[in-house]
Amino acid sequence: MRVLVVEDDTNLNRQLKDALTEAGYAVDVAFDGEEGHFLGDTEPYDAVILDIGLPRMDGLSVLEEWRRTGKTTPVLLLTARDRWSDKVQGIDSGADDYVAKPFHMEEVLARVRALVRRAAGHASNEIVAGSVRLDARSGKVTVDGLSVKLTSHELRLLSYLMHHKGKVISRTELTEHLYDQDFDRDSNTIEVFVGRLRKKLPEDCIQTVRGLGYQIVGD
């Protein structure tokens, strides 16, 4: 999954990026509202962490502009404001959730997981496809109850396909959502990771839809 962090505090921005990267996300960052608005408007993200008090363009204006133009990416607002009216304004502007500063990083990670999960139509952190189970919280994958060891890139790929189970996902979409902005993107690497995953998962778990992409099947 790919996440955008828009936060002008350099230390907090770095802490958020490090925590999200450690949790398995591809992360892009911006330090002001104009840059954040541009990235959110032009790049496909699975979630955005957006500070309200930003230079050059405040967070609520960024969010309102995204929603005005039809962007439905889940947004978690960060706010130093503790008045209930500010929180209501954020939700009414189109935010999906908010966290007040100071916060515990684990809470932010949990809320991001929930946003991504709900956007994909899943009620639980555990996603099941046949005998394959993915715990989105821990990143643990099992097949028939037995743990499967995956690399970080293999886990990102499987997680995206599992979150969008039943949907055909193109190589382009996978490339856009698995790698951050600075990564040297080559869609051919997707084939390599799919091939590796197929050796670790049940036969036909990941199906190729010729000319369209890949699909996870299973109950």
Protein backbone atom coordinates (compact mmCIF):
# COMPACT_ATOMS: atom_id res chain seq x y z
CA MET A 1 0.00 0.00 0.00
CA ARG A 2 1.15 3.54 -0.79
CA VAL A 3 0.68 6.42 1.66
CA LEU A 4 1.25 10.17 1.42
CA VAL A 5 2.36 12.10 4.53
CA VAL A 6 1.81 15.88 4.44
CA GLU A 7 3.37 17.39 7.56
CA ASP A 8 5.54 20.52 7.85
CA ASP A 9 7.28 19.50 11.08
CA THR A 10 10.48 17.89 9.75
CA ASN A 11 11.01 15.55 12.72
CA LEU A 12 7.41 14.38 12.85
CA ASN A 13 7.34 13.92 9.08
CA ARG A 14 10.44 11.71 9.32
CA GLN A 15 9.02 9.74 12.27
CA LEU A 16 5.80 9.07 10.39
CA LYS A 17 7.65 8.01 7.26
CA ASP A 18 9.95 5.69 9.21
CA ALA A 19 7.06 4.07 11.10
CA LEU A 20 4.97 3.59 7.97
CA THR A 21 7.92 2.21 6.01
CA GLU A 22 8.68 -0.20 8.85
CA ALA A 23 5.02 -1.28 8.74
CA GLY A 24 5.39 -2.15 5.06
CA TYR A 25 3.99 0.89 3.27
CA ALA A 26 5.52 2.75 0.35
CA VAL A 27 5.66 6.36 1.56
CA ASP A 28 5.86 9.74 -0.15
CA VAL A 29 6.18 12.95 1.86
CA ALA A 30 5.39 16.63 1.45
CA PHE A 31 6.17 19.55 3.77
CA ASP A 32 3.62 22.16 2.67
CA GLY A 33 0.05 22.27 1.45
CA GLU A 34 0.78 23.12 -2.17
CA GLU A 35 3.18 20.20 -2.63
CA GLY A 36 0.83 17.88 -0.76
CA HIS A 37 -2.12 18.96 -2.87
CA PHE A 38 -0.16 18.37 -6.08
CA LEU A 39 0.98 14.89 -5.07
CA GLY A 40 -2.47 13.86 -3.87
CA ASP A 41 -3.97 15.20 -7.07
CA THR A 42 -1.56 13.45 -9.45
CA GLU A 43 -0.48 10.23 -7.70
CA PRO A 44 -2.60 7.23 -6.64
CA TYR A 45 -2.49 6.74 -2.87
CA ASP A 46 -4.25 4.24 -0.65
CA ALA A 47 -4.34 6.73 2.23
CA VAL A 48 -3.16 10.23 3.13
CA ILE A 49 -2.00 11.56 6.50
CA LEU A 50 -2.66 15.30 6.35
CA ASP A 51 -1.74 17.96 8.91
CA ILE A 52 -4.21 20.83 9.23
CA GLY A 53 -1.70 23.60 10.02
CA LEU A 54 0.39 23.66 6.85
CA PRO A 55 2.27 26.56 5.18
CA ARG A 56 1.35 27.82 1.70
CA MET A 57 -2.05 26.04 1.75
CA ASP A 58 -3.74 24.82 4.92
CA GLY A 59 -4.75 21.20 5.30
CA LEU A 60 -8.51 21.78 5.24
CA SER A 61 -8.22 23.72 1.98
CA VAL A 62 -6.15 20.89 0.49
CA LEU A 63 -8.74 18.35 1.58
CA GLU A 64 -11.72 20.40 0.37
CA GLU A 65 -10.07 20.84 -3.04
CA TRP A 66 -9.42 17.10 -3.35
CA ARG A 67 -13.01 16.30 -2.49
CA ARG A 68 -14.34 19.02 -4.81
CA THR A 69 -12.53 17.39 -7.73
CA GLY A 70 -13.75 13.90 -6.84
CA LYS A 71 -10.72 12.45 -5.05
CA THR A 72 -11.96 9.73 -2.70
CA THR A 73 -8.63 8.68 -1.16
CA PRO A 74 -9.06 8.06 2.60
CA VAL A 75 -7.62 10.94 4.63
CA LEU A 76 -6.46 10.93 8.25
CA LEU A 77 -6.17 14.48 9.63
CA LEU A 78 -3.49 15.45 12.13
CA THR A 79 -4.48 18.40 14.28
CA ALA A 80 -3.01 20.29 17.21
CA ARG A 81 -6.39 21.86 17.78
CA ASP A 82 -8.47 20.33 20.54
CA ARG A 83 -11.73 22.20 20.04
CA TRP A 84 -14.56 19.89 19.01
CA SER A 85 -15.67 22.43 16.40
CA ASP A 86 -12.32 22.08 14.56
CA LYS A 87 -12.73 18.31 14.47
CA VAL A 88 -16.27 18.65 13.14
CA GLN A 89 -15.02 21.05 10.45
CA GLY A 90 -12.38 18.52 9.42
CA ILE A 91 -14.90 15.70 9.10
CA ASP A 92 -17.32 17.96 7.23
CA SER A 93 -14.51 18.93 4.85
CA GLY A 94 -14.18 15.28 3.83
CA ALA A 95 -11.78 13.70 6.31
CA ASP A 96 -12.34 10.05 7.15
CA ASP A 97 -10.69 10.19 10.57
CA TYR A 98 -8.49 12.43 12.72
CA VAL A 99 -5.81 12.21 15.40
CA ALA A 100 -4.98 15.04 17.81
CA LYS A 101 -1.35 15.88 18.56
CA PRO A 102 0.51 14.62 20.48
CA PHE A 103 -0.32 11.05 19.55
CA HIS A 104 1.09 7.54 19.86
CA MET A 105 2.47 6.24 16.57
CA GLU A 106 0.70 2.90 17.04
CA GLU A 107 -2.62 4.73 17.03
CA VAL A 108 -1.81 6.41 13.71
CA LEU A 109 -0.78 3.07 12.20
CA ALA A 110 -3.98 1.43 13.45
CA ARG A 111 -6.13 4.19 12.00
CA VAL A 112 -4.33 4.02 8.64
CA ARG A 113 -4.89 0.24 8.55
CA ALA A 114 -8.56 0.79 9.28
CA LEU A 115 -8.92 3.41 6.52
CA VAL A 116 -7.25 1.17 3.94
CA ARG A 117 -9.26 -1.83 5.09
CA ARG A 118 -12.63 -0.06 4.97
CA ALA A 119 -11.86 1.53 1.59
CA ALA A 120 -11.32 -1.96 0.20
CA GLY A 121 -14.53 -3.25 1.81
CA HIS A 122 -13.03 -5.35 4.62
CA ALA A 123 -14.36 -5.28 8.17
CA SER A 124 -11.50 -7.23 9.77
CA ASN A 125 -7.72 -7.06 9.79
CA GLU A 126 -7.69 -10.71 8.71
CA ILE A 127 -8.30 -11.20 4.99
CA VAL A 128 -8.94 -14.72 3.71
CA ALA A 129 -8.65 -16.18 0.22
CA GLY A 130 -9.16 -19.93 0.28
CA SER A 131 -6.47 -21.41 2.53
CA VAL A 132 -4.45 -18.18 2.51
CA ARG A 133 -4.84 -15.81 5.45
CA LEU A 134 -3.28 -12.37 5.78
CA ASP A 135 -3.20 -10.50 9.08
CA ALA A 136 -2.97 -6.87 7.94
CA ARG A 137 -1.94 -5.76 11.44
CA SER A 138 1.05 -8.06 11.87
CA GLY A 139 1.82 -8.77 8.22
CA LYS A 140 1.70 -12.49 8.97
CA VAL A 141 0.66 -14.81 6.14
CA THR A 142 -0.40 -18.42 6.66
CA VAL A 143 -1.46 -21.23 4.33
CA ASP A 144 -3.56 -23.95 5.98
CA GLY A 145 -2.44 -22.54 9.32
CA LEU A 146 1.27 -22.75 8.52
CA SER A 147 3.33 -19.56 8.45
CA VAL A 148 4.71 -18.44 5.08
CA LYS A 149 7.85 -16.31 5.02
CA LEU A 150 7.70 -13.44 2.53
CA THR A 151 10.05 -10.61 1.64
CA SER A 152 8.80 -7.04 2.14
CA HIS A 153 8.08 -6.63 -1.59
CA GLU A 154 6.32 -9.99 -1.80
CA LEU A 155 4.18 -9.02 1.20
CA ARG A 156 3.28 -5.64 -0.32
CA LEU A 157 2.19 -7.32 -3.54
CA LEU A 158 0.16 -10.02 -1.81
CA SER A 159 -1.40 -7.48 0.56
CA TYR A 160 -2.58 -5.28 -2.30
CA LEU A 161 -4.04 -8.23 -4.19
CA MET A 162 -5.69 -9.62 -1.03
CA HIS A 163 -7.22 -6.25 -0.13
CA HIS A 164 -8.69 -6.15 -3.65
CA LYS A 165 -9.63 -9.82 -3.77
CA GLY A 166 -11.74 -10.73 -6.80
CA LYS A 167 -10.68 -7.65 -8.75
CA VAL A 168 -8.32 -7.84 -11.71
CA ILE A 169 -5.32 -5.60 -10.97
CA SER A 170 -3.10 -4.41 -13.82
CA ARG A 171 0.68 -4.39 -13.62
CA THR A 172 0.57 -0.61 -13.91
CA GLU A 173 -1.74 -0.29 -10.91
CA LEU A 174 0.42 -2.62 -8.86
CA THR A 175 3.54 -0.65 -9.76
CA GLU A 176 1.86 2.65 -8.82
CA HIS A 177 0.70 1.37 -5.43
CA LEU A 178 3.69 -0.72 -4.37
CA TYR A 179 6.50 1.80 -4.87
CA ASP A 180 7.08 5.33 -3.68
CA GLN A 181 7.66 8.30 -5.97
CA ASP A 182 11.45 8.01 -5.99
CA PHE A 183 11.59 4.29 -6.81
CA ASP A 184 12.89 3.34 -10.26
CA ARG A 185 9.66 1.72 -11.39
CA ASP A 186 9.81 -1.22 -13.78
CA SER A 187 6.59 -3.18 -14.19
CA ASN A 188 8.61 -6.22 -15.24
CA THR A 189 9.64 -6.66 -11.60
CA ILE A 190 5.98 -7.33 -10.80
CA GLU A 191 6.19 -10.53 -12.85
CA VAL A 192 9.23 -11.59 -10.84
CA PHE A 193 7.47 -11.09 -7.51
CA VAL A 194 4.31 -12.82 -8.73
CA GLY A 195 6.43 -15.77 -9.78
CA ARG A 196 8.07 -15.93 -6.34
CA LEU A 197 4.71 -15.68 -4.56
CA ARG A 198 3.23 -18.49 -6.64
CA LYS A 199 5.95 -20.82 -5.40
CA LYS A 200 4.95 -20.08 -1.78
CA LEU A 201 1.15 -20.08 -2.16
CA PRO A 202 -1.41 -22.67 -3.29
CA GLU A 203 -1.63 -23.36 -7.01
CA ASP A 204 -3.93 -20.95 -8.86
CA CYS A 205 -4.22 -18.61 -5.84
CA ILE A 206 -2.91 -15.79 -8.05
CA GLN A 207 -4.42 -16.01 -11.49
CA THR A 208 -3.24 -14.23 -14.62
CA VAL A 209 -5.98 -12.60 -16.66
CA ARG A 210 -4.36 -12.37 -20.05
CA GLY A 211 -3.87 -8.81 -21.24
CA LEU A 212 -5.36 -7.34 -18.05
CA GLY A 213 -3.36 -8.30 -15.00
CA TYR A 214 -3.58 -10.47 -11.90
CA GLN A 215 -6.33 -11.58 -9.58
CA ILE A 216 -6.55 -13.25 -6.18
CA VAL A 217 -9.38 -15.75 -6.02
CA GLY A 218 -10.85 -17.73 -3.14
CA ASP A 219 -13.51 -17.38 -0.44
